[in-house]
């Protein structure tokens, strides 16, 4: 009988201790006033889908036969960012991410972009911002488009803002050079 009582108390003790050790530790502190910074960036983005040195490649396509062969295609990209519109100009970083081609019409390009723009030189070396937005191009090079900035790291921690894009060159294969004017609000 004594062994049964000891065993019962041991079980009760184990059951009582489990909830105490199963809780996590947290502490909420009041944040002080934050100073918001504004950073403006200007650079060129080179998206190359043709040739041996392509920077954007299709990774998934729908299994359909349509008039627009790229509709529904998912691309992975690792595009260079440069100071000037020539690909041979100073490389300042790269943009890595995905975009989904949503164009059913051959004459215009519409896509959903998610990309991380990372800087590898200069003042913002090691910092990046993230863009997640829709891109629509009615014609190749005339209209300025706006895309949303949804985050950042390094110098651009907690970034929000917008990017104004102006395609400066494109061809029928899908290669393009795009001028970026970015306004970032960050802490």
N, C-alpha and C. Protein backbone atom coordinates (compact mmCIF):
# COMPACT_ATOMS: atom_id res chain seq x y z
N UNK A 1 0.82 -1.19 0.00
CA UNK A 1 0.00 0.00 0.00
C UNK A 1 0.87 1.26 0.00
N UNK A 2 1.94 1.22 0.78
CA UNK A 2 2.83 2.37 0.86
C UNK A 2 3.47 2.66 -0.50
N UNK A 3 3.82 1.61 -1.27
CA UNK A 3 4.40 1.79 -2.60
C UNK A 3 3.39 2.43 -3.56
N UNK A 4 2.12 2.07 -3.40
CA UNK A 4 1.10 2.64 -4.26
C UNK A 4 0.89 4.12 -3.97
N UNK A 5 0.97 4.53 -2.70
CA UNK A 5 0.82 5.93 -2.34
C UNK A 5 2.00 6.74 -2.88
N UNK A 6 3.20 6.21 -2.75
CA UNK A 6 4.39 6.90 -3.26
C UNK A 6 4.29 7.04 -4.78
N UNK A 7 3.86 5.97 -5.44
CA UNK A 7 3.71 6.01 -6.89
C UNK A 7 2.66 7.04 -7.30
N UNK A 8 1.54 7.12 -6.58
CA UNK A 8 0.48 8.08 -6.89
C UNK A 8 0.99 9.50 -6.71
N UNK A 9 1.73 9.76 -5.63
CA UNK A 9 2.28 11.10 -5.42
C UNK A 9 3.31 11.45 -6.50
N UNK A 10 4.10 10.49 -6.95
CA UNK A 10 5.08 10.72 -8.01
C UNK A 10 4.38 11.10 -9.31
N UNK A 11 3.28 10.43 -9.64
CA UNK A 11 2.52 10.74 -10.85
C UNK A 11 1.92 12.14 -10.75
N UNK A 12 1.34 12.47 -9.60
CA UNK A 12 0.75 13.80 -9.40
C UNK A 12 1.82 14.88 -9.53
N UNK A 13 3.00 14.64 -8.96
CA UNK A 13 4.09 15.61 -9.06
C UNK A 13 4.51 15.82 -10.52
N UNK A 14 4.67 14.73 -11.27
CA UNK A 14 5.06 14.84 -12.68
C UNK A 14 4.02 15.59 -13.49
N UNK A 15 2.75 15.34 -13.25
CA UNK A 15 1.69 16.03 -13.97
C UNK A 15 1.62 17.51 -13.61
N UNK A 16 1.94 17.84 -12.37
CA UNK A 16 1.90 19.23 -11.94
C UNK A 16 3.10 20.02 -12.47
N UNK A 17 4.25 19.39 -12.64
CA UNK A 17 5.46 20.06 -13.09
C UNK A 17 5.43 20.32 -14.59
N UNK A 18 4.81 19.45 -15.35
CA UNK A 18 4.81 19.56 -16.81
C UNK A 18 4.28 20.91 -17.31
N UNK A 19 3.15 21.43 -16.81
CA UNK A 19 2.68 22.73 -17.31
C UNK A 19 3.64 23.88 -16.99
N UNK A 20 4.35 23.81 -15.88
CA UNK A 20 5.28 24.87 -15.52
C UNK A 20 6.43 24.92 -16.51
N UNK A 21 7.00 23.79 -16.87
CA UNK A 21 8.12 23.76 -17.80
C UNK A 21 7.67 23.89 -19.25
N UNK A 22 6.42 23.70 -19.55
CA UNK A 22 5.91 23.80 -20.91
C UNK A 22 5.64 25.22 -21.35
N UNK A 23 5.68 26.20 -20.44
CA UNK A 23 5.42 27.58 -20.82
C UNK A 23 6.68 28.22 -21.37
N UNK A 24 6.52 29.20 -22.22
CA UNK A 24 7.66 29.91 -22.78
C UNK A 24 7.85 31.22 -22.03
N UNK A 25 9.02 31.78 -22.18
CA UNK A 25 9.33 33.04 -21.52
C UNK A 25 9.10 34.18 -22.50
N UNK A 26 8.43 35.20 -22.07
CA UNK A 26 8.28 36.38 -22.90
C UNK A 26 8.25 37.62 -22.02
N UNK A 27 8.66 38.71 -22.62
CA UNK A 27 8.64 39.97 -21.90
C UNK A 27 8.35 41.06 -22.91
N UNK A 28 7.41 41.91 -22.61
CA UNK A 28 7.06 43.02 -23.48
C UNK A 28 7.65 44.29 -22.89
N UNK A 29 8.34 45.03 -23.74
CA UNK A 29 8.92 46.30 -23.30
C UNK A 29 8.38 47.40 -24.21
N UNK A 30 8.29 48.58 -23.67
CA UNK A 30 7.81 49.72 -24.43
C UNK A 30 8.94 50.23 -25.32
N UNK A 31 8.64 50.36 -26.60
CA UNK A 31 9.64 50.86 -27.55
C UNK A 31 9.74 52.38 -27.42
N UNK A 32 10.93 52.87 -27.55
CA UNK A 32 11.13 54.31 -27.52
C UNK A 32 10.76 54.93 -28.85
N UNK A 33 10.82 56.21 -28.94
CA UNK A 33 10.49 56.86 -30.22
C UNK A 33 11.52 56.48 -31.28
N UNK A 34 11.02 56.17 -32.47
CA UNK A 34 11.90 55.79 -33.57
C UNK A 34 12.03 56.95 -34.54
N UNK A 35 13.20 57.08 -35.10
CA UNK A 35 13.45 58.12 -36.08
C UNK A 35 13.38 57.48 -37.45
N UNK A 36 12.38 57.90 -38.22
CA UNK A 36 12.22 57.34 -39.56
C UNK A 36 13.20 58.02 -40.51
N UNK A 37 13.83 57.20 -41.36
CA UNK A 37 14.78 57.71 -42.36
C UNK A 37 14.16 57.53 -43.74
N UNK A 38 14.56 58.37 -44.64
CA UNK A 38 14.15 58.25 -46.04
C UNK A 38 15.42 58.10 -46.88
N UNK A 39 15.44 57.06 -47.70
CA UNK A 39 16.56 56.83 -48.60
C UNK A 39 16.03 56.74 -50.01
N UNK A 40 16.69 57.43 -50.92
CA UNK A 40 16.31 57.36 -52.34
C UNK A 40 17.46 56.70 -53.10
N UNK A 41 17.10 55.73 -53.92
CA UNK A 41 18.09 54.97 -54.69
C UNK A 41 17.77 55.08 -56.18
N UNK A 42 18.81 55.06 -56.99
CA UNK A 42 18.65 55.06 -58.45
C UNK A 42 19.63 54.04 -59.02
N UNK A 43 19.12 53.09 -59.81
CA UNK A 43 19.97 52.07 -60.43
C UNK A 43 19.23 51.46 -61.60
N UNK A 44 19.92 50.54 -62.30
CA UNK A 44 19.34 49.86 -63.46
C UNK A 44 19.33 48.36 -63.21
N UNK A 45 18.26 47.74 -63.66
CA UNK A 45 17.97 46.31 -63.47
C UNK A 45 18.03 45.66 -64.85
N UNK A 46 18.79 44.56 -64.98
CA UNK A 46 18.97 43.89 -66.27
C UNK A 46 18.35 42.50 -66.20
N UNK A 47 17.23 42.29 -66.89
CA UNK A 47 16.54 41.00 -66.91
C UNK A 47 16.81 40.37 -68.28
N UNK A 48 17.59 39.28 -68.29
CA UNK A 48 18.01 38.66 -69.54
C UNK A 48 17.47 37.22 -69.57
N UNK A 49 16.54 36.98 -70.51
CA UNK A 49 15.94 35.65 -70.62
C UNK A 49 16.50 34.85 -71.79
N UNK A 50 17.41 35.42 -72.58
CA UNK A 50 17.93 34.72 -73.75
C UNK A 50 19.44 34.51 -73.62
N UNK A 51 19.96 33.59 -74.42
CA UNK A 51 21.40 33.38 -74.49
C UNK A 51 21.93 32.47 -73.40
N UNK A 52 23.24 32.27 -73.46
CA UNK A 52 23.91 31.38 -72.51
C UNK A 52 24.00 31.96 -71.10
N UNK A 53 24.03 33.27 -70.99
CA UNK A 53 24.17 33.93 -69.69
C UNK A 53 22.84 34.52 -69.22
N UNK A 54 21.77 33.78 -69.40
CA UNK A 54 20.44 34.26 -68.98
C UNK A 54 20.42 34.47 -67.47
N UNK A 55 19.76 35.55 -67.05
CA UNK A 55 19.64 35.85 -65.62
C UNK A 55 18.26 35.52 -65.09
N UNK A 56 17.33 35.20 -65.99
CA UNK A 56 15.98 34.78 -65.60
C UNK A 56 15.63 33.55 -66.42
N UNK A 57 15.25 32.48 -65.73
CA UNK A 57 14.94 31.23 -66.44
C UNK A 57 13.58 30.70 -66.01
N UNK A 58 12.86 30.08 -66.93
CA UNK A 58 11.57 29.49 -66.56
C UNK A 58 11.80 28.25 -65.71
N UNK A 59 11.08 28.15 -64.60
CA UNK A 59 11.20 26.97 -63.74
C UNK A 59 9.93 26.14 -63.71
N UNK A 60 8.82 26.69 -64.19
CA UNK A 60 7.57 25.94 -64.27
C UNK A 60 6.67 26.59 -65.31
N UNK A 61 6.01 25.76 -66.11
CA UNK A 61 5.07 26.24 -67.13
C UNK A 61 3.84 25.37 -67.12
N UNK A 62 2.70 25.94 -67.49
CA UNK A 62 1.50 25.12 -67.59
C UNK A 62 1.61 24.16 -68.78
N UNK A 63 0.98 23.03 -68.66
CA UNK A 63 1.02 22.03 -69.71
C UNK A 63 -0.16 22.24 -70.65
N UNK A 64 -0.14 23.35 -71.37
CA UNK A 64 -1.22 23.67 -72.30
C UNK A 64 -0.64 24.18 -73.59
N UNK A 65 -1.42 24.17 -74.62
CA UNK A 65 -1.01 24.77 -75.88
C UNK A 65 -1.89 25.99 -76.09
N UNK A 66 -1.27 27.15 -76.04
CA UNK A 66 -2.00 28.40 -76.19
C UNK A 66 -1.27 29.30 -77.17
N UNK A 67 -1.94 30.37 -77.56
CA UNK A 67 -1.31 31.34 -78.45
C UNK A 67 -0.17 32.09 -77.76
N UNK A 68 -0.22 32.18 -76.44
CA UNK A 68 0.83 32.87 -75.69
C UNK A 68 1.61 31.83 -74.90
N UNK A 69 2.77 31.42 -75.39
CA UNK A 69 3.51 30.32 -74.76
C UNK A 69 4.05 30.63 -73.37
N UNK A 70 4.17 31.91 -72.99
CA UNK A 70 4.73 32.21 -71.67
C UNK A 70 3.66 32.41 -70.61
N UNK A 71 2.38 32.49 -70.98
CA UNK A 71 1.31 32.72 -70.00
C UNK A 71 1.32 31.63 -68.93
N UNK A 72 1.41 32.05 -67.67
CA UNK A 72 1.42 31.10 -66.56
C UNK A 72 2.80 30.56 -66.23
N UNK A 73 3.84 31.06 -66.87
CA UNK A 73 5.19 30.56 -66.62
C UNK A 73 5.79 31.26 -65.40
N UNK A 74 6.43 30.47 -64.55
CA UNK A 74 7.11 30.99 -63.35
C UNK A 74 8.60 31.06 -63.65
N UNK A 75 9.18 32.22 -63.39
CA UNK A 75 10.60 32.46 -63.65
C UNK A 75 11.36 32.66 -62.34
N UNK A 76 12.57 32.12 -62.30
CA UNK A 76 13.51 32.44 -61.22
C UNK A 76 14.52 33.42 -61.80
N UNK A 77 14.88 34.42 -60.99
CA UNK A 77 15.80 35.43 -61.53
C UNK A 77 16.93 35.73 -60.55
N UNK A 78 18.06 36.06 -61.13
CA UNK A 78 19.22 36.55 -60.41
C UNK A 78 19.81 37.64 -61.30
N UNK A 79 19.16 38.80 -61.28
CA UNK A 79 19.44 39.88 -62.22
C UNK A 79 20.45 40.88 -61.64
N UNK A 80 21.42 41.31 -62.45
CA UNK A 80 22.38 42.31 -61.97
C UNK A 80 21.76 43.70 -61.86
N UNK A 81 22.25 44.47 -60.89
CA UNK A 81 21.88 45.87 -60.69
C UNK A 81 23.14 46.70 -60.97
N UNK A 82 23.01 47.71 -61.82
CA UNK A 82 24.16 48.52 -62.19
C UNK A 82 23.88 50.00 -62.01
N UNK A 83 24.95 50.78 -62.02
CA UNK A 83 24.83 52.23 -61.86
C UNK A 83 24.28 52.90 -63.12
N UNK A 84 24.62 52.40 -64.29
CA UNK A 84 24.20 52.96 -65.57
C UNK A 84 23.43 51.91 -66.35
N UNK A 85 22.86 52.29 -67.47
CA UNK A 85 22.02 51.37 -68.23
C UNK A 85 22.81 50.29 -68.96
N UNK A 86 24.10 50.46 -69.14
CA UNK A 86 24.91 49.44 -69.80
C UNK A 86 25.23 48.32 -68.81
N UNK A 87 25.15 47.09 -69.27
CA UNK A 87 25.44 45.94 -68.41
C UNK A 87 26.89 45.93 -67.95
N UNK A 88 27.76 46.58 -68.70
CA UNK A 88 29.19 46.64 -68.36
C UNK A 88 29.51 47.73 -67.34
N UNK A 89 28.54 48.53 -66.94
CA UNK A 89 28.81 49.59 -65.96
C UNK A 89 28.97 48.98 -64.57
N UNK A 90 29.24 49.81 -63.58
CA UNK A 90 29.55 49.35 -62.22
C UNK A 90 28.42 48.51 -61.63
N UNK A 91 28.76 47.29 -61.24
CA UNK A 91 27.80 46.38 -60.61
C UNK A 91 27.66 46.75 -59.14
N UNK A 92 26.43 47.00 -58.68
CA UNK A 92 26.22 47.40 -57.28
C UNK A 92 25.48 46.34 -56.47
N UNK A 93 24.94 45.32 -57.13
CA UNK A 93 24.22 44.28 -56.41
C UNK A 93 23.46 43.40 -57.37
N UNK A 94 22.50 42.67 -56.82
CA UNK A 94 21.67 41.82 -57.67
C UNK A 94 20.27 41.70 -57.07
N UNK A 95 19.36 41.30 -57.93
CA UNK A 95 17.97 41.11 -57.53
C UNK A 95 17.65 39.63 -57.73
N UNK A 96 17.29 38.96 -56.65
CA UNK A 96 16.94 37.55 -56.74
C UNK A 96 15.50 37.38 -56.33
N UNK A 97 14.79 36.53 -57.08
CA UNK A 97 13.40 36.30 -56.73
C UNK A 97 12.67 35.54 -57.81
N UNK A 98 11.36 35.74 -57.83
CA UNK A 98 10.48 35.03 -58.75
C UNK A 98 9.51 36.01 -59.40
N UNK A 99 9.09 35.69 -60.60
CA UNK A 99 7.95 36.40 -61.18
C UNK A 99 7.13 35.43 -62.02
N UNK A 100 5.84 35.67 -62.01
CA UNK A 100 4.87 34.84 -62.70
C UNK A 100 4.27 35.64 -63.84
N UNK A 101 4.43 35.15 -65.08
CA UNK A 101 3.90 35.82 -66.26
C UNK A 101 2.39 35.61 -66.33
N UNK A 102 1.64 36.70 -66.29
CA UNK A 102 0.18 36.65 -66.28
C UNK A 102 -0.44 37.16 -67.57
N UNK A 103 0.36 37.33 -68.63
CA UNK A 103 -0.12 37.93 -69.87
C UNK A 103 -0.70 36.89 -70.81
N UNK A 104 -1.96 37.04 -71.13
CA UNK A 104 -2.55 36.19 -72.16
C UNK A 104 -2.36 36.79 -73.54
N UNK A 105 -2.06 38.08 -73.57
CA UNK A 105 -1.84 38.76 -74.85
C UNK A 105 -0.34 38.86 -75.11
N UNK A 106 0.06 38.62 -76.35
CA UNK A 106 1.47 38.69 -76.71
C UNK A 106 2.02 40.12 -76.68
N UNK A 107 1.16 41.10 -76.83
CA UNK A 107 1.62 42.48 -76.99
C UNK A 107 1.97 43.17 -75.69
N UNK A 108 1.59 42.64 -74.56
CA UNK A 108 1.95 43.29 -73.29
C UNK A 108 2.38 42.26 -72.27
N UNK A 109 3.19 42.71 -71.34
CA UNK A 109 3.74 41.84 -70.30
C UNK A 109 3.15 42.25 -68.96
N UNK A 110 2.54 41.33 -68.27
CA UNK A 110 2.02 41.55 -66.92
C UNK A 110 2.52 40.42 -66.05
N UNK A 111 3.01 40.77 -64.87
CA UNK A 111 3.56 39.74 -63.98
C UNK A 111 3.40 40.16 -62.53
N UNK A 112 3.44 39.17 -61.66
CA UNK A 112 3.54 39.40 -60.22
C UNK A 112 4.99 39.14 -59.85
N UNK A 113 5.63 40.11 -59.19
CA UNK A 113 7.03 40.02 -58.82
C UNK A 113 7.19 39.86 -57.32
N UNK A 114 8.10 38.98 -56.92
CA UNK A 114 8.65 39.00 -55.57
C UNK A 114 10.15 38.96 -55.76
N UNK A 115 10.85 39.97 -55.25
CA UNK A 115 12.30 40.02 -55.42
C UNK A 115 12.95 40.70 -54.23
N UNK A 116 14.16 40.26 -53.93
CA UNK A 116 14.99 40.87 -52.90
C UNK A 116 16.14 41.58 -53.63
N UNK A 117 16.25 42.88 -53.44
CA UNK A 117 17.28 43.68 -54.09
C UNK A 117 18.42 43.87 -53.09
N UNK A 118 19.51 43.14 -53.30
CA UNK A 118 20.64 43.14 -52.36
C UNK A 118 21.80 43.95 -52.94
N UNK A 119 22.40 44.76 -52.08
CA UNK A 119 23.52 45.60 -52.51
C UNK A 119 24.82 44.98 -52.01
N UNK A 120 25.81 44.90 -52.89
CA UNK A 120 27.07 44.22 -52.58
C UNK A 120 28.27 45.14 -52.56
N UNK A 121 28.05 46.42 -52.79
CA UNK A 121 29.14 47.40 -52.74
C UNK A 121 28.63 48.70 -52.15
N UNK A 122 29.57 49.56 -51.81
CA UNK A 122 29.22 50.92 -51.39
C UNK A 122 28.62 51.02 -50.00
N UNK A 123 27.97 52.11 -49.77
CA UNK A 123 27.41 52.47 -48.46
C UNK A 123 26.39 51.45 -47.95
N UNK A 124 25.64 50.83 -48.85
CA UNK A 124 24.58 49.90 -48.45
C UNK A 124 24.97 48.44 -48.63
N UNK A 125 26.28 48.16 -48.69
CA UNK A 125 26.77 46.80 -48.82
C UNK A 125 26.20 45.92 -47.69
N UNK A 126 25.57 44.80 -48.05
CA UNK A 126 24.99 43.89 -47.08
C UNK A 126 23.53 44.20 -46.75
N UNK A 127 22.98 45.25 -47.30
CA UNK A 127 21.59 45.62 -47.05
C UNK A 127 20.73 45.26 -48.26
N UNK A 128 19.44 45.09 -48.02
CA UNK A 128 18.54 44.81 -49.13
C UNK A 128 17.14 45.29 -48.79
N UNK A 129 16.32 45.40 -49.84
CA UNK A 129 14.90 45.65 -49.64
C UNK A 129 14.12 44.65 -50.47
N UNK A 130 12.89 44.38 -50.07
CA UNK A 130 12.05 43.40 -50.76
C UNK A 130 10.89 44.10 -51.46
N UNK A 131 10.65 43.67 -52.67
CA UNK A 131 9.59 44.23 -53.50
C UNK A 131 8.59 43.10 -53.77
N UNK A 132 7.32 43.39 -53.58
CA UNK A 132 6.28 42.41 -53.90
C UNK A 132 5.12 43.18 -54.50
N UNK A 133 4.91 43.03 -55.81
CA UNK A 133 3.91 43.84 -56.46
C UNK A 133 3.61 43.32 -57.85
N UNK A 134 2.64 43.95 -58.49
CA UNK A 134 2.24 43.63 -59.86
C UNK A 134 2.92 44.61 -60.81
N UNK A 135 3.41 44.08 -61.94
CA UNK A 135 4.04 44.89 -62.96
C UNK A 135 3.25 44.71 -64.25
N UNK A 136 2.82 45.80 -64.85
CA UNK A 136 2.05 45.73 -66.08
C UNK A 136 2.68 46.65 -67.10
N UNK A 137 2.89 46.13 -68.30
CA UNK A 137 3.50 46.93 -69.37
C UNK A 137 2.61 46.90 -70.60
N UNK A 138 1.95 48.00 -70.85
CA UNK A 138 1.10 48.08 -72.04
C UNK A 138 1.95 48.20 -73.29
N UNK A 139 3.00 49.00 -73.21
CA UNK A 139 3.96 49.05 -74.31
C UNK A 139 5.36 49.00 -73.72
N UNK A 140 6.34 48.90 -74.54
CA UNK A 140 7.67 48.56 -74.07
C UNK A 140 8.36 49.62 -73.23
N UNK A 141 8.33 50.89 -73.63
CA UNK A 141 9.24 51.84 -72.97
C UNK A 141 8.67 53.19 -72.61
N UNK A 142 7.37 53.40 -72.56
CA UNK A 142 6.91 54.77 -72.36
C UNK A 142 6.42 55.08 -70.95
N UNK A 143 5.76 54.18 -70.27
CA UNK A 143 5.08 54.50 -69.04
C UNK A 143 5.93 54.18 -67.81
N UNK A 144 5.83 55.04 -66.80
CA UNK A 144 6.46 54.76 -65.51
C UNK A 144 5.48 53.96 -64.67
N UNK A 145 5.96 52.90 -64.06
CA UNK A 145 5.12 52.04 -63.23
C UNK A 145 5.57 52.11 -61.78
N UNK A 146 4.63 51.87 -60.87
CA UNK A 146 4.92 51.91 -59.44
C UNK A 146 4.75 50.53 -58.84
N UNK A 147 5.71 50.14 -57.99
CA UNK A 147 5.65 48.85 -57.31
C UNK A 147 5.91 49.07 -55.82
N UNK A 148 5.40 48.16 -54.99
CA UNK A 148 5.43 48.32 -53.54
C UNK A 148 6.67 47.67 -52.92
N UNK A 149 7.28 48.39 -51.97
CA UNK A 149 8.36 47.86 -51.15
C UNK A 149 7.73 47.35 -49.85
N UNK A 150 8.02 46.10 -49.49
CA UNK A 150 7.34 45.49 -48.35
C UNK A 150 8.26 45.10 -47.20
N UNK A 151 9.54 45.36 -47.29
CA UNK A 151 10.43 45.02 -46.19
C UNK A 151 11.88 45.27 -46.55
N UNK A 152 12.75 45.01 -45.58
CA UNK A 152 14.17 45.19 -45.83
C UNK A 152 14.99 44.66 -44.68
N UNK A 153 16.30 44.63 -44.89
CA UNK A 153 17.23 44.20 -43.84
C UNK A 153 18.47 45.08 -43.91
N UNK A 154 19.29 44.97 -42.87
CA UNK A 154 20.49 45.81 -42.81
C UNK A 154 20.12 47.26 -42.62
N UNK A 155 20.67 48.13 -43.43
CA UNK A 155 20.37 49.57 -43.34
C UNK A 155 18.92 49.87 -43.64
N UNK A 156 18.22 48.95 -44.32
CA UNK A 156 16.83 49.17 -44.70
C UNK A 156 15.86 48.36 -43.84
N UNK A 157 16.23 48.06 -42.61
CA UNK A 157 15.37 47.27 -41.72
C UNK A 157 13.99 47.90 -41.60
N UNK A 158 12.96 47.07 -41.71
CA UNK A 158 11.55 47.48 -41.61
C UNK A 158 11.15 48.48 -42.70
N UNK A 159 11.73 48.33 -43.88
CA UNK A 159 11.47 49.29 -44.97
C UNK A 159 10.06 49.14 -45.54
N UNK A 160 9.51 50.28 -45.90
CA UNK A 160 8.32 50.35 -46.73
C UNK A 160 8.62 51.41 -47.77
N UNK A 161 7.77 51.52 -48.75
CA UNK A 161 7.99 52.55 -49.75
C UNK A 161 7.51 52.11 -51.11
N UNK A 162 8.14 52.69 -52.13
CA UNK A 162 7.71 52.39 -53.49
C UNK A 162 8.90 52.52 -54.44
N UNK A 163 8.77 51.82 -55.56
CA UNK A 163 9.76 51.90 -56.62
C UNK A 163 9.06 52.37 -57.89
N UNK A 164 9.62 53.37 -58.52
CA UNK A 164 9.12 53.83 -59.82
C UNK A 164 10.02 53.22 -60.89
N UNK A 165 9.42 52.47 -61.80
CA UNK A 165 10.15 51.74 -62.81
C UNK A 165 9.88 52.34 -64.18
N UNK A 166 10.94 52.47 -64.96
CA UNK A 166 10.80 52.94 -66.33
C UNK A 166 11.63 52.02 -67.22
N UNK A 167 10.96 51.16 -68.00
CA UNK A 167 11.71 50.32 -68.93
C UNK A 167 12.44 51.21 -69.94
N UNK A 168 13.75 50.98 -70.10
CA UNK A 168 14.52 51.79 -71.03
C UNK A 168 14.83 51.04 -72.31
N UNK A 169 14.76 49.69 -72.27
CA UNK A 169 15.01 48.88 -73.46
C UNK A 169 14.38 47.51 -73.26
N UNK A 170 13.85 46.95 -74.33
CA UNK A 170 13.36 45.57 -74.31
C UNK A 170 13.34 45.03 -75.73
N UNK A 171 13.27 43.69 -75.83
CA UNK A 171 13.17 43.07 -77.14
C UNK A 171 12.03 42.05 -77.13
N UNK A 172 11.80 41.42 -78.25
CA UNK A 172 10.68 40.48 -78.36
C UNK A 172 10.93 39.16 -77.63
N UNK A 173 12.16 38.87 -77.27
CA UNK A 173 12.50 37.64 -76.56
C UNK A 173 12.14 37.75 -75.08
N UNK A 174 12.08 38.96 -74.56
CA UNK A 174 11.78 39.17 -73.16
C UNK A 174 12.90 39.79 -72.36
N UNK A 175 14.04 40.06 -73.00
CA UNK A 175 15.13 40.75 -72.33
C UNK A 175 14.72 42.20 -72.10
N UNK A 176 15.16 42.77 -70.97
CA UNK A 176 14.78 44.15 -70.67
C UNK A 176 15.80 44.81 -69.76
N UNK A 177 15.90 46.12 -69.88
CA UNK A 177 16.65 46.95 -68.95
C UNK A 177 15.64 47.92 -68.37
N UNK A 178 15.61 48.01 -67.03
CA UNK A 178 14.61 48.83 -66.35
C UNK A 178 15.32 49.79 -65.40
N UNK A 179 14.97 51.07 -65.49
CA UNK A 179 15.50 52.08 -64.58
C UNK A 179 14.64 52.10 -63.32
N UNK A 180 15.28 52.05 -62.16
CA UNK A 180 14.59 52.06 -60.87
C UNK A 180 14.88 53.36 -60.13
N UNK A 181 13.85 54.03 -59.66
CA UNK A 181 13.94 55.13 -58.71
C UNK A 181 13.16 54.70 -57.48
N UNK A 182 13.86 54.43 -56.39
CA UNK A 182 13.26 53.83 -55.20
C UNK A 182 13.24 54.83 -54.07
N UNK A 183 12.12 54.91 -53.37
CA UNK A 183 12.01 55.71 -52.14
C UNK A 183 11.70 54.75 -51.01
N UNK A 184 12.60 54.68 -50.03
CA UNK A 184 12.46 53.77 -48.88
C UNK A 184 12.26 54.57 -47.60
N UNK A 185 11.29 54.16 -46.80
CA UNK A 185 11.08 54.69 -45.45
C UNK A 185 11.49 53.57 -44.50
N UNK A 186 12.46 53.82 -43.65
CA UNK A 186 12.99 52.77 -42.77
C UNK A 186 13.51 53.39 -41.48
N UNK A 187 13.94 52.53 -40.56
CA UNK A 187 14.44 52.97 -39.26
C UNK A 187 15.89 52.63 -39.08
